[in-house]
Amino acid sequence: MNEQSPKRASFRRMDEGTPNDWEIIGSEYLKFANGLVDRVLDHLKLLDGDFGGFAVDRLTHSLQTATRAHRAGKDEEYVVCALLHDIGDMLGTYNHGAVAAAILKPFVSEANQWMLANHTDFQGYYYFEHVGLDKNRREVHRDSPYYEHTREFIDEYDMPAFDPDYDTLPLEFFEPMVRRVMQKQVKSNIKMDPAS
């Protein structure tokens, strides 16, 4: 079977691009973008088996956080944020909240994006003093309109989600939610139809 090579743009510098070049690139971009949810879910699965010293692995913690939020009646966007809040652990080890916030920025509200980006300061209330840091670090955010939103996320769903005996829902339960949330775009520099 002889397959044709995919079309490619002809320019060597972006300022040399033609409408035809950008049509080719746009078509390839949409194909790539359509695989985003699968790549996100695959990356989340990398947390499986990574305990980091905790009583449950990082994937179970993520699933348990989402399970708790779902059972409390939170909407799908919030539940997906709960599921993906620590997805940055592998590549953004020193700032994992910002990684999750960047991934979900086009798909979630400003409140939920802020919660993801800053949740690490709020987590610290429960352990920073044990590692020589200020447990009240979250207070630098006291004037934020999203302070209570983020505090609730940590206190109710993230902080207690390290229980190996908790009846945690599997990833398959949440996958349709992730797909629905990441099919819409709340804000983005590039608008597209992911279903194209």
Protein backbone atom coordinates (compact mmCIF):
# COMPACT_ATOMS: atom_id res chain seq x y z
CA MET A 1 0.00 0.00 0.00
CA ASN A 2 1.45 3.31 -1.10
CA GLU A 3 0.22 6.17 1.06
CA GLN A 4 0.69 9.76 0.04
CA SER A 5 2.75 11.97 2.30
CA PRO A 6 0.62 14.46 4.18
CA LYS A 7 0.51 17.94 2.70
CA ARG A 8 2.86 20.42 4.29
CA ALA A 9 3.26 24.15 4.21
CA SER A 10 5.94 25.45 1.85
CA PHE A 11 7.29 28.35 3.90
CA ARG A 12 10.48 28.44 5.96
CA ARG A 13 9.42 31.53 7.92
CA MET A 14 5.92 32.34 9.11
CA ASP A 15 5.93 35.69 7.30
CA GLU A 16 6.24 33.78 4.01
CA GLY A 17 3.05 31.77 4.61
CA THR A 18 0.34 31.73 1.97
CA PRO A 19 -3.41 31.18 2.41
CA ASN A 20 -2.87 27.64 1.06
CA ASP A 21 -0.16 27.01 3.67
CA TRP A 22 -2.46 28.14 6.46
CA GLU A 23 -5.31 26.03 5.10
CA ILE A 24 -3.04 22.96 5.32
CA ILE A 25 -1.87 23.90 8.82
CA GLY A 26 -5.42 24.64 9.98
CA SER A 27 -6.63 21.27 8.77
CA GLU A 28 -3.81 19.47 10.58
CA TYR A 29 -4.39 21.58 13.69
CA LEU A 30 -8.02 20.48 13.89
CA LYS A 31 -7.03 16.81 13.54
CA PHE A 32 -4.48 17.23 16.33
CA ALA A 33 -6.90 19.17 18.54
CA ASN A 34 -9.50 16.42 18.20
CA GLY A 35 -7.14 14.10 20.09
CA LEU A 36 -6.71 16.43 23.08
CA VAL A 37 -9.09 14.64 25.44
CA ASP A 38 -7.46 11.28 24.75
CA ARG A 39 -4.00 12.76 25.39
CA VAL A 40 -5.20 14.35 28.64
CA LEU A 41 -6.73 11.08 29.84
CA ASP A 42 -3.60 9.14 28.85
CA HIS A 43 -1.47 11.62 30.78
CA LEU A 44 -3.74 11.35 33.82
CA LYS A 45 -3.21 7.57 33.75
CA LEU A 46 0.53 8.18 34.29
CA LEU A 47 -0.39 8.97 37.91
CA ASP A 48 -1.45 5.33 38.41
CA GLY A 49 0.93 3.57 40.79
CA ASP A 50 2.75 6.78 41.77
CA PHE A 51 2.23 6.91 45.53
CA GLY A 52 4.80 9.56 46.39
CA GLY A 53 4.62 8.30 49.97
CA PHE A 54 0.84 8.80 50.26
CA ALA A 55 -1.63 6.09 51.31
CA VAL A 56 -3.15 6.09 47.79
CA ASP A 57 -1.52 6.68 44.43
CA ARG A 58 -1.94 10.01 42.66
CA LEU A 59 -4.52 8.65 40.22
CA THR A 60 -6.67 7.28 43.05
CA HIS A 61 -6.36 10.64 44.83
CA SER A 62 -7.55 12.41 41.68
CA LEU A 63 -10.43 9.97 41.19
CA GLN A 64 -11.37 10.22 44.85
CA THR A 65 -11.38 14.03 44.75
CA ALA A 66 -13.67 13.93 41.70
CA THR A 67 -15.87 11.25 43.30
CA ARG A 68 -16.35 13.38 46.40
CA ALA A 69 -17.21 16.45 44.33
CA HIS A 70 -19.64 14.45 42.16
CA ARG A 71 -21.39 12.93 45.16
CA ALA A 72 -21.73 16.39 46.68
CA GLY A 73 -23.68 17.49 43.60
CA LYS A 74 -21.06 19.71 41.96
CA ASP A 75 -21.52 20.39 38.24
CA GLU A 76 -19.55 18.52 35.58
CA GLU A 77 -17.06 21.32 35.00
CA TYR A 78 -16.17 21.37 38.70
CA VAL A 79 -15.93 17.57 38.82
CA VAL A 80 -13.59 17.55 35.83
CA CYS A 81 -11.44 20.18 37.55
CA ALA A 82 -11.38 17.96 40.64
CA LEU A 83 -10.33 15.00 38.51
CA LEU A 84 -7.56 16.86 36.70
CA HIS A 85 -6.35 19.16 39.48
CA ASP A 86 -3.08 17.22 39.96
CA ILE A 87 -2.47 16.23 36.34
CA GLY A 88 0.57 18.51 36.33
CA ASP A 89 2.42 16.45 38.94
CA MET A 90 4.51 14.65 36.31
CA LEU A 91 5.65 17.61 34.20
CA GLY A 92 5.05 20.57 36.51
CA THR A 93 6.35 19.06 39.71
CA TYR A 94 7.11 22.45 41.26
CA ASN A 95 3.94 24.15 40.06
CA HIS A 96 1.44 21.45 39.18
CA GLY A 97 -1.62 23.62 39.74
CA ALA A 98 -0.57 26.02 36.99
CA VAL A 99 -0.25 23.10 34.57
CA ALA A 100 -3.81 21.92 35.27
CA ALA A 101 -5.08 25.49 34.97
CA ALA A 102 -3.34 25.94 31.61
CA ILE A 103 -4.76 22.70 30.21
CA LEU A 104 -8.31 23.53 31.24
CA LYS A 105 -8.23 27.30 30.65
CA PRO A 106 -10.18 27.23 27.35
CA PHE A 107 -12.90 25.04 28.84
CA VAL A 108 -13.64 26.26 32.37
CA SER A 109 -14.83 29.34 34.19
CA GLU A 110 -12.45 31.93 35.56
CA ALA A 111 -13.31 30.77 39.10
CA ASN A 112 -12.39 27.16 38.37
CA GLN A 113 -9.25 28.10 36.49
CA TRP A 114 -8.13 30.29 39.41
CA MET A 115 -8.92 27.44 41.82
CA LEU A 116 -6.72 25.06 39.84
CA ALA A 117 -3.85 27.51 39.52
CA ASN A 118 -3.81 28.40 43.22
CA HIS A 119 -4.96 25.24 44.98
CA THR A 120 -1.43 24.38 46.07
CA ASP A 121 -1.28 27.44 48.34
CA PHE A 122 -4.56 26.33 49.91
CA GLN A 123 -3.41 22.71 50.36
CA GLY A 124 -0.48 24.02 52.35
CA TYR A 125 -2.77 24.91 55.22
CA TYR A 126 -2.73 21.23 56.13
CA TYR A 127 0.98 20.47 55.82
CA PHE A 128 3.24 23.47 55.15
CA GLU A 129 4.15 23.81 58.83
CA HIS A 130 5.51 20.24 58.77
CA VAL A 131 7.94 21.09 55.98
CA GLY A 132 9.12 24.46 57.26
CA LEU A 133 6.71 26.69 55.33
CA ASP A 134 3.95 29.08 56.34
CA LYS A 135 0.69 27.12 56.69
CA ASN A 136 -1.25 30.36 56.16
CA ARG A 137 0.22 30.95 52.68
CA ARG A 138 -3.33 30.92 51.30
CA GLU A 139 -3.98 34.22 53.06
CA VAL A 140 -2.07 36.08 50.31
CA HIS A 141 -5.19 35.33 48.26
CA ARG A 142 -7.71 36.55 50.87
CA ASP A 143 -8.89 39.43 48.65
CA SER A 144 -9.57 37.19 45.67
CA PRO A 145 -13.23 36.68 44.78
CA TYR A 146 -12.31 32.99 44.40
CA TYR A 147 -10.78 32.50 47.84
CA GLU A 148 -13.80 30.73 49.35
CA HIS A 149 -14.40 28.75 46.17
CA THR A 150 -10.85 27.38 46.38
CA ARG A 151 -10.89 26.89 50.13
CA GLU A 152 -14.06 24.80 49.82
CA PHE A 153 -12.47 22.69 47.06
CA ILE A 154 -9.50 21.89 49.26
CA ASP A 155 -11.38 21.39 52.53
CA GLU A 156 -14.28 19.34 51.16
CA TYR A 157 -12.82 17.38 48.25
CA ASP A 158 -9.02 17.50 47.87
CA MET A 159 -7.74 17.36 51.45
CA PRO A 160 -9.76 14.28 52.56
CA ALA A 161 -9.11 12.32 49.33
CA PHE A 162 -6.31 10.04 50.55
CA ASP A 163 -8.47 7.26 52.00
CA PRO A 164 -7.64 3.77 50.67
CA ASP A 165 -10.99 2.50 51.97
CA TYR A 166 -13.16 5.14 50.25
CA ASP A 167 -15.53 3.85 47.56
CA THR A 168 -13.87 5.68 44.68
CA LEU A 169 -15.45 5.75 41.21
CA PRO A 170 -13.29 4.52 38.29
CA LEU A 171 -11.87 6.72 35.57
CA GLU A 172 -14.34 5.27 33.06
CA PHE A 173 -17.15 6.92 35.03
CA PHE A 174 -15.61 10.36 34.52
CA GLU A 175 -14.42 10.05 30.92
CA PRO A 176 -17.74 11.18 29.37
CA MET A 177 -17.71 14.24 31.63
CA VAL A 178 -14.18 15.13 30.54
CA ARG A 179 -15.23 14.79 26.90
CA ARG A 180 -18.29 17.00 27.37
CA VAL A 181 -16.43 19.71 29.28
CA MET A 182 -13.53 19.74 26.83
CA GLN A 183 -15.87 19.91 23.81
CA LYS A 184 -16.90 23.44 24.71
CA GLN A 185 -14.67 26.46 24.75
CA VAL A 186 -15.29 29.15 27.30
CA LYS A 187 -12.23 31.17 26.36
CA SER A 188 -9.34 30.63 24.00
CA ASN A 189 -7.16 32.53 21.62
CA ILE A 190 -8.14 30.08 18.89
CA LYS A 191 -11.76 29.13 18.29
CA MET A 192 -12.47 25.84 16.63
CA ASP A 193 -15.03 23.11 16.39
CA PRO A 194 -13.40 20.06 18.06
CA ALA A 195 -16.02 17.80 16.49
CA SER A 196 -14.99 18.76 12.92
